[in-house]
PDB file of N, CA and C in Angstrom:
ATOM      1  N   UNK A   1       0.419  17.255   7.971  1.00  0.00           N
ATOM      2  CA  UNK A   1       0.542  17.354   6.536  1.00  0.00           C
ATOM      3  C   UNK A   1       0.303  15.978   5.921  1.00  0.00           C
ATOM      4  N   UNK A   2      -0.442  15.960   4.871  1.00  0.00           N
ATOM      5  CA  UNK A   2      -0.743  14.719   4.170  1.00  0.00           C
ATOM      6  C   UNK A   2      -0.039  14.734   2.821  1.00  0.00           C
ATOM      7  N   UNK A   3       0.568  13.613   2.469  1.00  0.00           N
ATOM      8  CA  UNK A   3       1.254  13.522   1.186  1.00  0.00           C
ATOM      9  C   UNK A   3       0.508  12.526   0.309  1.00  0.00           C
ATOM     10  N   UNK A   4       0.379  12.830  -0.974  1.00  0.00           N
ATOM     11  CA  UNK A   4      -0.317  11.899  -1.864  1.00  0.00           C
ATOM     12  C   UNK A   4       0.480  10.602  -2.038  1.00  0.00           C
ATOM     13  N   UNK A   5      -0.243   9.518  -2.203  1.00  0.00           N
ATOM     14  CA  UNK A   5       0.382   8.218  -2.421  1.00  0.00           C
ATOM     15  C   UNK A   5       0.350   7.883  -3.903  1.00  0.00           C
ATOM     16  N   UNK A   6       1.455   7.387  -4.405  1.00  0.00           N
ATOM     17  CA  UNK A   6       1.504   6.959  -5.800  1.00  0.00           C
ATOM     18  C   UNK A   6       0.741   5.647  -5.959  1.00  0.00           C
ATOM     19  N   UNK A   7       0.429   5.314  -7.193  1.00  0.00           N
ATOM     20  CA  UNK A   7      -0.251   4.045  -7.475  1.00  0.00           C
ATOM     21  C   UNK A   7       0.599   2.871  -6.998  1.00  0.00           C
ATOM     22  N   UNK A   8       1.911   2.966  -7.185  1.00  0.00           N
ATOM     23  CA  UNK A   8       2.794   1.878  -6.763  1.00  0.00           C
ATOM     24  C   UNK A   8       2.746   1.690  -5.245  1.00  0.00           C
ATOM     25  N   UNK A   9       2.720   2.787  -4.494  1.00  0.00           N
ATOM     26  CA  UNK A   9       2.646   2.661  -3.038  1.00  0.00           C
ATOM     27  C   UNK A   9       1.299   2.116  -2.589  1.00  0.00           C
ATOM     28  N   UNK A  10       0.224   2.566  -3.225  1.00  0.00           N
ATOM     29  CA  UNK A  10      -1.100   2.019  -2.895  1.00  0.00           C
ATOM     30  C   UNK A  10      -1.140   0.520  -3.167  1.00  0.00           C
ATOM     31  N   UNK A  11      -0.588   0.117  -4.306  1.00  0.00           N
ATOM     32  CA  UNK A  11      -0.520  -1.312  -4.622  1.00  0.00           C
ATOM     33  C   UNK A  11       0.245  -2.054  -3.529  1.00  0.00           C
ATOM     34  N   UNK A  12       1.386  -1.499  -3.136  1.00  0.00           N
ATOM     35  CA  UNK A  12       2.209  -2.133  -2.112  1.00  0.00           C
ATOM     36  C   UNK A  12       1.497  -2.256  -0.776  1.00  0.00           C
ATOM     37  N   UNK A  13       0.760  -1.212  -0.402  1.00  0.00           N
ATOM     38  CA  UNK A  13       0.019  -1.239   0.863  1.00  0.00           C
ATOM     39  C   UNK A  13      -1.029  -2.346   0.833  1.00  0.00           C
ATOM     40  N   UNK A  14      -1.795  -2.409  -0.251  1.00  0.00           N
ATOM     41  CA  UNK A  14      -2.831  -3.444  -0.379  1.00  0.00           C
ATOM     42  C   UNK A  14      -2.198  -4.833  -0.355  1.00  0.00           C
ATOM     43  N   UNK A  15      -1.133  -5.011  -1.106  1.00  0.00           N
ATOM     44  CA  UNK A  15      -0.472  -6.317  -1.146  1.00  0.00           C
ATOM     45  C   UNK A  15       0.104  -6.694   0.220  1.00  0.00           C
ATOM     46  N   UNK A  16       0.652  -5.727   0.937  1.00  0.00           N
ATOM     47  CA  UNK A  16       1.218  -6.006   2.261  1.00  0.00           C
ATOM     48  C   UNK A  16       0.138  -6.466   3.233  1.00  0.00           C
ATOM     49  N   UNK A  17      -1.022  -5.835   3.186  1.00  0.00           N
ATOM     50  CA  UNK A  17      -2.122  -6.248   4.064  1.00  0.00           C
ATOM     51  C   UNK A  17      -2.585  -7.652   3.685  1.00  0.00           C
ATOM     52  N   UNK A  18      -2.722  -7.908   2.391  1.00  0.00           N
ATOM     53  CA  UNK A  18      -3.205  -9.220   1.947  1.00  0.00           C
ATOM     54  C   UNK A  18      -2.154 -10.313   2.113  1.00  0.00           C
ATOM     55  N   UNK A  19      -0.903  -9.932   2.238  1.00  0.00           N
ATOM     56  CA  UNK A  19       0.151 -10.914   2.513  1.00  0.00           C
ATOM     57  C   UNK A  19      -0.093 -11.551   3.884  1.00  0.00           C
ATOM     58  N   UNK A  20      -0.692 -10.791   4.800  1.00  0.00           N
ATOM     59  CA  UNK A  20      -0.982 -11.295   6.147  1.00  0.00           C
ATOM     60  C   UNK A  20      -2.167 -12.260   6.141  1.00  0.00           C
ATOM     61  N   UNK A  21      -3.232 -11.891   5.408  1.00  0.00           N
ATOM     62  CA  UNK A  21      -4.408 -12.764   5.315  1.00  0.00           C
ATOM     63  C   UNK A  21      -5.352 -12.237   4.243  1.00  0.00           C
ATOM     64  N   UNK A  22      -6.176 -13.135   3.722  1.00  0.00           N
ATOM     65  CA  UNK A  22      -7.195 -12.738   2.754  1.00  0.00           C
ATOM     66  C   UNK A  22      -8.154 -11.762   3.427  1.00  0.00           C
ATOM     67  N   UNK A  23      -8.779 -10.907   2.619  1.00  0.00           N
ATOM     68  CA  UNK A  23      -9.733  -9.943   3.184  1.00  0.00           C
ATOM     69  C   UNK A  23     -10.746  -9.553   2.124  1.00  0.00           C
ATOM     70  N   UNK A  24     -11.941  -9.175   2.578  1.00  0.00           N
ATOM     71  CA  UNK A  24     -12.934  -8.617   1.659  1.00  0.00           C
ATOM     72  C   UNK A  24     -12.740  -7.103   1.636  1.00  0.00           C
ATOM     73  N   UNK A  25     -13.294  -6.463   0.625  1.00  0.00           N
ATOM     74  CA  UNK A  25     -13.018  -5.058   0.360  1.00  0.00           C
ATOM     75  C   UNK A  25     -13.208  -4.123   1.533  1.00  0.00           C
ATOM     76  N   UNK A  26     -14.353  -4.221   2.214  1.00  0.00           N
ATOM     77  CA  UNK A  26     -14.630  -3.303   3.318  1.00  0.00           C
ATOM     78  C   UNK A  26     -13.640  -3.508   4.463  1.00  0.00           C
ATOM     79  N   UNK A  27     -13.351  -4.763   4.800  1.00  0.00           N
ATOM     80  CA  UNK A  27     -12.401  -5.051   5.880  1.00  0.00           C
ATOM     81  C   UNK A  27     -11.010  -4.544   5.515  1.00  0.00           C
ATOM     82  N   UNK A  28     -10.638  -4.709   4.263  1.00  0.00           N
ATOM     83  CA  UNK A  28      -9.349  -4.220   3.783  1.00  0.00           C
ATOM     84  C   UNK A  28      -9.274  -2.701   3.913  1.00  0.00           C
ATOM     85  N   UNK A  29     -10.349  -2.033   3.515  1.00  0.00           N
ATOM     86  CA  UNK A  29     -10.411  -0.576   3.642  1.00  0.00           C
ATOM     87  C   UNK A  29     -10.249  -0.161   5.097  1.00  0.00           C
ATOM     88  N   UNK A  30     -10.933  -0.847   6.004  1.00  0.00           N
ATOM     89  CA  UNK A  30     -10.853  -0.517   7.428  1.00  0.00           C
ATOM     90  C   UNK A  30      -9.434  -0.695   7.969  1.00  0.00           C
ATOM     91  N   UNK A  31      -8.774  -1.769   7.570  1.00  0.00           N
ATOM     92  CA  UNK A  31      -7.402  -2.011   8.026  1.00  0.00           C
ATOM     93  C   UNK A  31      -6.473  -0.897   7.560  1.00  0.00           C
ATOM     94  N   UNK A  32      -6.615  -0.497   6.321  1.00  0.00           N
ATOM     95  CA  UNK A  32      -5.742   0.547   5.779  1.00  0.00           C
ATOM     96  C   UNK A  32      -6.084   1.896   6.389  1.00  0.00           C
ATOM     97  N   UNK A  33      -7.385   2.192   6.533  1.00  0.00           N
ATOM     98  CA  UNK A  33      -7.802   3.470   7.110  1.00  0.00           C
ATOM     99  C   UNK A  33      -7.368   3.623   8.561  1.00  0.00           C
ATOM    100  N   UNK A  34      -7.078   2.540   9.238  1.00  0.00           N
ATOM    101  CA  UNK A  34      -6.587   2.635  10.613  1.00  0.00           C
ATOM    102  C   UNK A  34      -5.210   3.302  10.664  1.00  0.00           C
ATOM    103  N   UNK A  35      -4.522   3.317   9.517  1.00  0.00           N
ATOM    104  CA  UNK A  35      -3.170   3.873   9.467  1.00  0.00           C
ATOM    105  C   UNK A  35      -3.085   5.119   8.589  1.00  0.00           C
ATOM    106  N   UNK A  36      -3.716   5.068   7.418  1.00  0.00           N
ATOM    107  CA  UNK A  36      -3.677   6.215   6.501  1.00  0.00           C
ATOM    108  C   UNK A  36      -5.090   6.530   6.017  1.00  0.00           C
ATOM    109  N   UNK A  37      -5.250   7.719   5.514  1.00  0.00           N
ATOM    110  CA  UNK A  37      -6.557   8.135   5.002  1.00  0.00           C
ATOM    111  C   UNK A  37      -6.709   7.663   3.558  1.00  0.00           C
ATOM    112  N   UNK A  38      -7.674   6.796   3.342  1.00  0.00           N
ATOM    113  CA  UNK A  38      -7.960   6.294   1.997  1.00  0.00           C
ATOM    114  C   UNK A  38      -9.458   6.022   1.914  1.00  0.00           C
ATOM    115  N   UNK A  39     -10.045   6.355   0.786  1.00  0.00           N
ATOM    116  CA  UNK A  39     -11.483   6.134   0.633  1.00  0.00           C
ATOM    117  C   UNK A  39     -11.727   4.846  -0.145  1.00  0.00           C
ATOM    118  N   UNK A  40     -12.877   4.232   0.070  1.00  0.00           N
ATOM    119  CA  UNK A  40     -13.208   3.033  -0.708  1.00  0.00           C
ATOM    120  C   UNK A  40     -13.180   3.303  -2.210  1.00  0.00           C
ATOM    121  N   UNK A  41     -13.536   4.515  -2.606  1.00  0.00           N
ATOM    122  CA  UNK A  41     -13.528   4.833  -4.038  1.00  0.00           C
ATOM    123  C   UNK A  41     -12.109   4.834  -4.600  1.00  0.00           C
ATOM    124  N   UNK A  42     -11.116   4.963  -3.743  1.00  0.00           N
ATOM    125  CA  UNK A  42      -9.715   4.852  -4.165  1.00  0.00           C
ATOM    126  C   UNK A  42      -9.282   3.396  -4.171  1.00  0.00           C
ATOM    127  N   UNK A  43      -9.730   2.649  -3.186  1.00  0.00           N
ATOM    128  CA  UNK A  43      -9.259   1.281  -3.003  1.00  0.00           C
ATOM    129  C   UNK A  43      -9.762   0.308  -4.067  1.00  0.00           C
ATOM    130  N   UNK A  44     -11.029   0.383  -4.427  1.00  0.00           N
ATOM    131  CA  UNK A  44     -11.577  -0.619  -5.349  1.00  0.00           C
ATOM    132  C   UNK A  44     -10.923  -0.599  -6.732  1.00  0.00           C
ATOM    133  N   UNK A  45     -10.584   0.559  -7.300  1.00  0.00           N
ATOM    134  CA  UNK A  45      -9.828   0.526  -8.560  1.00  0.00           C
ATOM    135  C   UNK A  45      -8.449  -0.127  -8.400  1.00  0.00           C
ATOM    136  N   UNK A  46      -7.824   0.052  -7.245  1.00  0.00           N
ATOM    137  CA  UNK A  46      -6.537  -0.598  -6.978  1.00  0.00           C
ATOM    138  C   UNK A  46      -6.722  -2.113  -6.981  1.00  0.00           C
ATOM    139  N   UNK A  47      -7.769  -2.590  -6.314  1.00  0.00           N
ATOM    140  CA  UNK A  47      -8.038  -4.031  -6.286  1.00  0.00           C
ATOM    141  C   UNK A  47      -8.298  -4.575  -7.687  1.00  0.00           C
ATOM    142  N   UNK A  48      -9.080  -3.855  -8.482  1.00  0.00           N
ATOM    143  CA  UNK A  48      -9.357  -4.306  -9.859  1.00  0.00           C
ATOM    144  C   UNK A  48      -8.076  -4.344 -10.694  1.00  0.00           C
ATOM    145  N   UNK A  49      -7.234  -3.313 -10.536  1.00  0.00           N
ATOM    146  CA  UNK A  49      -5.986  -3.261 -11.306  1.00  0.00           C
ATOM    147  C   UNK A  49      -5.065  -4.413 -10.910  1.00  0.00           C
ATOM    148  N   UNK A  50      -4.920  -4.650  -9.610  1.00  0.00           N
ATOM    149  CA  UNK A  50      -4.049  -5.736  -9.151  1.00  0.00           C
ATOM    150  C   UNK A  50      -4.568  -7.101  -9.597  1.00  0.00           C
ATOM    151  N   UNK A  51      -5.880  -7.259  -9.603  1.00  0.00           N
ATOM    152  CA  UNK A  51      -6.456  -8.519 -10.085  1.00  0.00           C
ATOM    153  C   UNK A  51      -6.181  -8.686 -11.577  1.00  0.00           C
ATOM    154  N   UNK A  52      -6.347  -7.628 -12.352  1.00  0.00           N
ATOM    155  CA  UNK A  52      -6.094  -7.686 -13.799  1.00  0.00           C
ATOM    156  C   UNK A  52      -4.627  -8.003 -14.092  1.00  0.00           C
ATOM    157  N   UNK A  53      -3.733  -7.567 -13.214  1.00  0.00           N
ATOM    158  CA  UNK A  53      -2.297  -7.832 -13.379  1.00  0.00           C
ATOM    159  C   UNK A  53      -1.909  -9.238 -12.924  1.00  0.00           C
ATOM    160  N   UNK A  54      -2.845  -9.949 -12.307  1.00  0.00           N
ATOM    161  CA  UNK A  54      -2.550 -11.287 -11.805  1.00  0.00           C
ATOM    162  C   UNK A  54      -1.920 -11.291 -10.421  1.00  0.00           C
ATOM    163  N   UNK A  55      -1.907 -10.133  -9.751  1.00  0.00           N
ATOM    164  CA  UNK A  55      -1.323 -10.040  -8.413  1.00  0.00           C
ATOM    165  C   UNK A  55      -2.295 -10.517  -7.333  1.00  0.00           C
ATOM    166  N   UNK A  56      -3.589 -10.533  -7.667  1.00  0.00           N
ATOM    167  CA  UNK A  56      -4.630 -10.969  -6.736  1.00  0.00           C
ATOM    168  C   UNK A  56      -5.578 -11.933  -7.427  1.00  0.00           C
ATOM    169  N   UNK A  57      -6.184 -12.791  -6.633  1.00  0.00           N
ATOM    170  CA  UNK A  57      -7.326 -13.587  -7.084  1.00  0.00           C
ATOM    171  C   UNK A  57      -8.477 -13.274  -6.132  1.00  0.00           C
ATOM    172  N   UNK A  58      -9.666 -13.674  -6.529  1.00  0.00           N
ATOM    173  CA  UNK A  58     -10.834 -13.452  -5.678  1.00  0.00           C
ATOM    174  C   UNK A  58     -11.606 -14.756  -5.512  1.00  0.00           C
ATOM    175  N   UNK A  59     -12.350 -14.816  -4.437  1.00  0.00           N
ATOM    176  CA  UNK A  59     -13.301 -15.904  -4.217  1.00  0.00           C
ATOM    177  C   UNK A  59     -14.428 -15.347  -3.364  1.00  0.00           C
ATOM    178  N   UNK A  60     -15.594 -15.948  -3.490  1.00  0.00           N
ATOM    179  CA  UNK A  60     -16.766 -15.487  -2.746  1.00  0.00           C
ATOM    180  C   UNK A  60     -17.048 -16.416  -1.573  1.00  0.00           C
ATOM    181  N   UNK A  61     -17.457 -15.823  -0.457  1.00  0.00           N
ATOM    182  CA  UNK A  61     -17.854 -16.556   0.746  1.00  0.00           C
ATOM    183  C   UNK A  61     -19.243 -16.091   1.138  1.00  0.00           C
ATOM    184  N   UNK A  62     -20.167 -17.015   1.413  1.00  0.00           N
ATOM    185  CA  UNK A  62     -21.487 -16.588   1.886  1.00  0.00           C
ATOM    186  C   UNK A  62     -21.380 -15.930   3.263  1.00  0.00           C
ATOM    187  N   UNK A  63     -22.138 -14.860   3.437  1.00  0.00           N
ATOM    188  CA  UNK A  63     -22.181 -14.158   4.719  1.00  0.00           C
ATOM    189  C   UNK A  63     -23.558 -13.536   4.880  1.00  0.00           C
ATOM    190  N   UNK A  64     -24.293 -13.995   5.867  1.00  0.00           N
ATOM    191  CA  UNK A  64     -25.628 -13.478   6.173  1.00  0.00           C
ATOM    192  C   UNK A  64     -26.515 -13.379   4.923  1.00  0.00           C
ATOM    193  N   UNK A  65     -26.560 -14.460   4.172  1.00  0.00           N
ATOM    194  CA  UNK A  65     -27.447 -14.541   3.020  1.00  0.00           C
ATOM    195  C   UNK A  65     -26.937 -13.901   1.742  1.00  0.00           C
ATOM    196  N   UNK A  66     -25.736 -13.398   1.759  1.00  0.00           N
ATOM    197  CA  UNK A  66     -25.164 -12.831   0.531  1.00  0.00           C
ATOM    198  C   UNK A  66     -23.700 -13.230   0.464  1.00  0.00           C
ATOM    199  N   UNK A  67     -23.064 -12.916  -0.642  1.00  0.00           N
ATOM    200  CA  UNK A  67     -21.657 -13.273  -0.813  1.00  0.00           C
ATOM    201  C   UNK A  67     -20.752 -12.080  -0.549  1.00  0.00           C
ATOM    202  N   UNK A  68     -19.636 -12.374   0.080  1.00  0.00           N
ATOM    203  CA  UNK A  68     -18.559 -11.396   0.217  1.00  0.00           C
ATOM    204  C   UNK A  68     -17.444 -11.821  -0.721  1.00  0.00           C
ATOM    205  N   UNK A  69     -16.890 -10.863  -1.417  1.00  0.00           N
ATOM    206  CA  UNK A  69     -15.768 -11.148  -2.308  1.00  0.00           C
ATOM    207  C   UNK A  69     -14.470 -10.931  -1.543  1.00  0.00           C
ATOM    208  N   UNK A  70     -13.710 -11.993  -1.410  1.00  0.00           N
ATOM    209  CA  UNK A  70     -12.423 -11.947  -0.725  1.00  0.00           C
ATOM    210  C   UNK A  70     -11.300 -11.848  -1.746  1.00  0.00           C
ATOM    211  N   UNK A  71     -10.245 -11.173  -1.343  1.00  0.00           N
ATOM    212  CA  UNK A  71      -9.060 -11.002  -2.181  1.00  0.00           C
ATOM    213  C   UNK A  71      -7.905 -11.766  -1.555  1.00  0.00           C
ATOM    214  N   UNK A  72      -7.130 -12.433  -2.419  1.00  0.00           N
ATOM    215  CA  UNK A  72      -5.979 -13.230  -1.982  1.00  0.00           C
ATOM    216  C   UNK A  72      -4.783 -12.863  -2.865  1.00  0.00           C
ATOM    217  N   UNK A  73      -3.642 -12.681  -2.240  1.00  0.00           N
ATOM    218  CA  UNK A  73      -2.430 -12.375  -2.994  1.00  0.00           C
ATOM    219  C   UNK A  73      -1.944 -13.648  -3.698  1.00  0.00           C
ATOM    220  N   UNK A  74      -1.416 -13.496  -4.899  1.00  0.00           N
ATOM    221  CA  UNK A  74      -0.879 -14.607  -5.683  1.00  0.00           C
ATOM    222  C   UNK A  74       0.651 -14.596  -5.578  1.00  0.00           C
ATOM    223  N   UNK A  75       1.315 -15.631  -6.072  1.00  0.00           N
ATOM    224  CA  UNK A  75       2.781 -15.584  -6.113  1.00  0.00           C
ATOM    225  C   UNK A  75       3.293 -14.365  -6.901  1.00  0.00           C
ATOM    226  N   UNK A  76       2.609 -14.016  -7.986  1.00  0.00           N
ATOM    227  CA  UNK A  76       3.005 -12.814  -8.739  1.00  0.00           C
ATOM    228  C   UNK A  76       2.822 -11.560  -7.882  1.00  0.00           C
ATOM    229  N   UNK A  77       1.784 -11.540  -7.058  1.00  0.00           N
ATOM    230  CA  UNK A  77       1.559 -10.418  -6.151  1.00  0.00           C
ATOM    231  C   UNK A  77       2.635 -10.334  -5.082  1.00  0.00           C
ATOM    232  N   UNK A  78       3.071 -11.481  -4.584  1.00  0.00           N
ATOM    233  CA  UNK A  78       4.157 -11.500  -3.592  1.00  0.00           C
ATOM    234  C   UNK A  78       5.445 -10.963  -4.194  1.00  0.00           C
ATOM    235  N   UNK A  79       5.696 -11.323  -5.445  1.00  0.00           N
ATOM    236  CA  UNK A  79       6.889 -10.815  -6.132  1.00  0.00           C
ATOM    237  C   UNK A  79       6.780  -9.302  -6.321  1.00  0.00           C
ATOM    238  N   UNK A  80       5.609  -8.832  -6.728  1.00  0.00           N
ATOM    239  CA  UNK A  80       5.388  -7.396  -6.902  1.00  0.00           C
ATOM    240  C   UNK A  80       5.564  -6.666  -5.572  1.00  0.00           C
ATOM    241  N   UNK A  81       5.101  -7.257  -4.491  1.00  0.00           N
ATOM    242  CA  UNK A  81       5.268  -6.663  -3.162  1.00  0.00           C
ATOM    243  C   UNK A  81       6.751  -6.537  -2.819  1.00  0.00           C
ATOM    244  N   UNK A  82       7.533  -7.563  -3.089  1.00  0.00           N
ATOM    245  CA  UNK A  82       8.976  -7.503  -2.818  1.00  0.00           C
ATOM    246  C   UNK A  82       9.635  -6.388  -3.625  1.00  0.00           C
ATOM    247  N   UNK A  83       9.250  -6.257  -4.892  1.00  0.00           N
ATOM    248  CA  UNK A  83       9.802  -5.192  -5.738  1.00  0.00           C
ATOM    249  C   UNK A  83       9.417  -3.818  -5.193  1.00  0.00           C
ATOM    250  N   UNK A  84       8.177  -3.687  -4.754  1.00  0.00           N
ATOM    251  CA  UNK A  84       7.709  -2.414  -4.200  1.00  0.00           C
ATOM    252  C   UNK A  84       8.469  -2.076  -2.926  1.00  0.00           C
ATOM    253  N   UNK A  85       8.687  -3.070  -2.074  1.00  0.00           N
ATOM    254  CA  UNK A  85       9.441  -2.842  -0.836  1.00  0.00           C
ATOM    255  C   UNK A  85      10.865  -2.389  -1.140  1.00  0.00           C
ATOM    256  N   UNK A  86      11.503  -3.018  -2.123  1.00  0.00           N
ATOM    257  CA  UNK A  86      12.860  -2.633  -2.515  1.00  0.00           C
ATOM    258  C   UNK A  86      12.876  -1.206  -3.052  1.00  0.00           C
ATOM    259  N   UNK A  87      11.935  -0.894  -3.942  1.00  0.00           N
ATOM    260  CA  UNK A  87      11.855   0.459  -4.501  1.00  0.00           C
ATOM    261  C   UNK A  87      11.597   1.490  -3.409  1.00  0.00           C
ATOM    262  N   UNK A  88      10.731   1.153  -2.457  1.00  0.00           N
ATOM    263  CA  UNK A  88      10.420   2.072  -1.359  1.00  0.00           C
ATOM    264  C   UNK A  88      11.666   2.351  -0.512  1.00  0.00           C
ATOM    265  N   UNK A  89      12.424   1.314  -0.189  1.00  0.00           N
ATOM    266  CA  UNK A  89      13.627   1.510   0.625  1.00  0.00           C
ATOM    267  C   UNK A  89      14.629   2.418  -0.085  1.00  0.00           C
ATOM    268  N   UNK A  90      14.804   2.220  -1.380  1.00  0.00           N
ATOM    269  CA  UNK A  90      15.706   3.075  -2.156  1.00  0.00           C
ATOM    270  C   UNK A  90      15.212   4.512  -2.153  1.00  0.00           C
ATOM    271  N   UNK A  91      13.935   4.710  -2.441  1.00  0.00           N
ATOM    272  CA  UNK A  91      13.342   6.047  -2.478  1.00  0.00           C
ATOM    273  C   UNK A  91      13.461   6.724  -1.112  1.00  0.00           C
ATOM    274  N   UNK A  92      13.152   5.977  -0.064  1.00  0.00           N
ATOM    275  CA  UNK A  92      13.204   6.515   1.297  1.00  0.00           C
ATOM    276  C   UNK A  92      14.621   6.978   1.641  1.00  0.00           C
ATOM    277  N   UNK A  93      15.626   6.191   1.289  1.00  0.00           N
ATOM    278  CA  UNK A  93      17.015   6.567   1.558  1.00  0.00           C
ATOM    279  C   UNK A  93      17.398   7.831   0.797  1.00  0.00           C
ATOM    280  N   UNK A  94      16.944   7.940  -0.443  1.00  0.00           N
ATOM    281  CA  UNK A  94      17.263   9.126  -1.235  1.00  0.00           C
ATOM    282  C   UNK A  94      16.642  10.375  -0.624  1.00  0.00           C
ATOM    283  N   UNK A  95      15.387  10.290  -0.229  1.00  0.00           N
ATOM    284  CA  UNK A  95      14.703  11.437   0.370  1.00  0.00           C
ATOM    285  C   UNK A  95      15.336  11.785   1.713  1.00  0.00           C
ATOM    286  N   UNK A  96      15.625  10.775   2.529  1.00  0.00           N
ATOM    287  CA  UNK A  96      16.253  11.029   3.825  1.00  0.00           C
ATOM    288  C   UNK A  96      17.602  11.707   3.659  1.00  0.00           C
ATOM    289  N   UNK A  97      18.331  11.357   2.608  1.00  0.00           N
ATOM    290  CA  UNK A  97      19.620  11.995   2.342  1.00  0.00           C
ATOM    291  C   UNK A  97      19.438  13.502   2.209  1.00  0.00           C
ATOM    292  N   UNK A  98      18.474  13.907   1.405  1.00  0.00           N
ATOM    293  CA  UNK A  98      18.249  15.336   1.202  1.00  0.00           C
ATOM    294  C   UNK A  98      17.710  16.004   2.459  1.00  0.00           C
ATOM    295  N   UNK A  99      16.773  15.377   3.115  1.00  0.00           N
ATOM    296  CA  UNK A  99      16.192  15.982   4.314  1.00  0.00           C
ATOM    297  C   UNK A  99      17.217  16.076   5.438  1.00  0.00           C
ATOM    298  N   UNK A 100      18.039  15.048   5.585  1.00  0.00           N
ATOM    299  CA  UNK A 100      19.080  15.068   6.610  1.00  0.00           C
ATOM    300  C   UNK A 100      20.121  16.121   6.282  1.00  0.00           C
ATOM    301  N   UNK A 101      20.555  16.190   5.026  1.00  0.00           N
ATOM    302  CA  UNK A 101      21.523  17.208   4.615  1.00  0.00           C
ATOM    303  C   UNK A 101      20.964  18.606   4.822  1.00  0.00           C
ATOM    304  N   UNK A 102      19.691  18.804   4.492  1.00  0.00           N
ATOM    305  CA  UNK A 102      19.063  20.118   4.670  1.00  0.00           C
ATOM    306  C   UNK A 102      18.988  20.468   6.149  1.00  0.00           C
ATOM    307  N   UNK A 103      18.652  19.493   6.979  1.00  0.00           N
ATOM    308  CA  UNK A 103      18.584  19.729   8.422  1.00  0.00           C
ATOM    309  C   UNK A 103      19.945  20.039   9.008  1.00  0.00           C
ATOM    310  N   UNK A 104      20.968  19.319   8.571  1.00  0.00           N
ATOM    311  CA  UNK A 104      22.324  19.572   9.055  1.00  0.00           C
ATOM    312  C   UNK A 104      22.817  20.939   8.608  1.00  0.00           C
ATOM    313  N   UNK A 105      22.501  21.320   7.382  1.00  0.00           N
ATOM    314  CA  UNK A 105      22.903  22.626   6.863  1.00  0.00           C
ATOM    315  C   UNK A 105      22.230  23.745   7.655  1.00  0.00           C
ATOM    316  N   UNK A 106      20.955  23.586   7.970  1.00  0.00           N
ATOM    317  CA  UNK A 106      20.230  24.599   8.744  1.00  0.00           C
ATOM    318  C   UNK A 106      20.832  24.736  10.141  1.00  0.00           C
ATOM    319  N   UNK A 107      21.233  23.627  10.757  1.00  0.00           N
ATOM    320  CA  UNK A 107      21.853  23.676  12.080  1.00  0.00           C
ATOM    321  C   UNK A 107      23.178  24.425  12.026  1.00  0.00           C
ATOM    322  N   UNK A 108      23.971  24.156  10.978  1.00  0.00           N
ATOM    323  CA  UNK A 108      25.255  24.845  10.827  1.00  0.00           C
ATOM    324  C   UNK A 108      25.041  26.345  10.681  1.00  0.00           C
ATOM    325  N   UNK A 109      24.040  26.725   9.888  1.00  0.00           N
ATOM    326  CA  UNK A 109      23.761  28.141   9.675  1.00  0.00           C
ATOM    327  C   UNK A 109      23.276  28.801  10.958  1.00  0.00           C
ATOM    328  N   UNK A 110      22.501  28.085  11.767  1.00  0.00           N
ATOM    329  CA  UNK A 110      22.016  28.623  13.038  1.00  0.00           C
ATOM    330  C   UNK A 110      23.166  28.833  14.023  1.00  0.00           C
ATOM    331  N   UNK A 111      24.168  27.968  13.945  1.00  0.00           N
ATOM    332  CA  UNK A 111      25.296  28.056  14.867  1.00  0.00           C
ATOM    333  C   UNK A 111      26.273  29.152  14.466  1.00  0.00           C
ATOM    334  N   UNK A 112      26.205  29.597  13.230  1.00  0.00           N
ATOM    335  CA  UNK A 112      27.137  30.633  12.745  1.00  0.00           C
ATOM    336  C   UNK A 112      26.774  31.995  13.249  1.00  0.00           C
TER     337      UNK A 112
END
């Protein structure tokens, strides 16, 4: 089963990858796709939005006669990543509460 990702989670995923090291768009897509299903057409608007928010900066590097645009997380992006991680932990605990309670209730009913 696949669950849709919110914009905030997509932002957090991109920022978490870039927290490790700078990356160009295609490499970033490949890193994320190794774990979750995401298309480049989804990723590039996220990169543009994060750059517009000041969470990312870009720079170009020559590669085989052309330039690659690299993305780098900014201090504002690091702060946004921390906020996203905190929000995710809270959300995860809330969902686990319901799923765990539902699972425990089902076990009790099965034992009756």
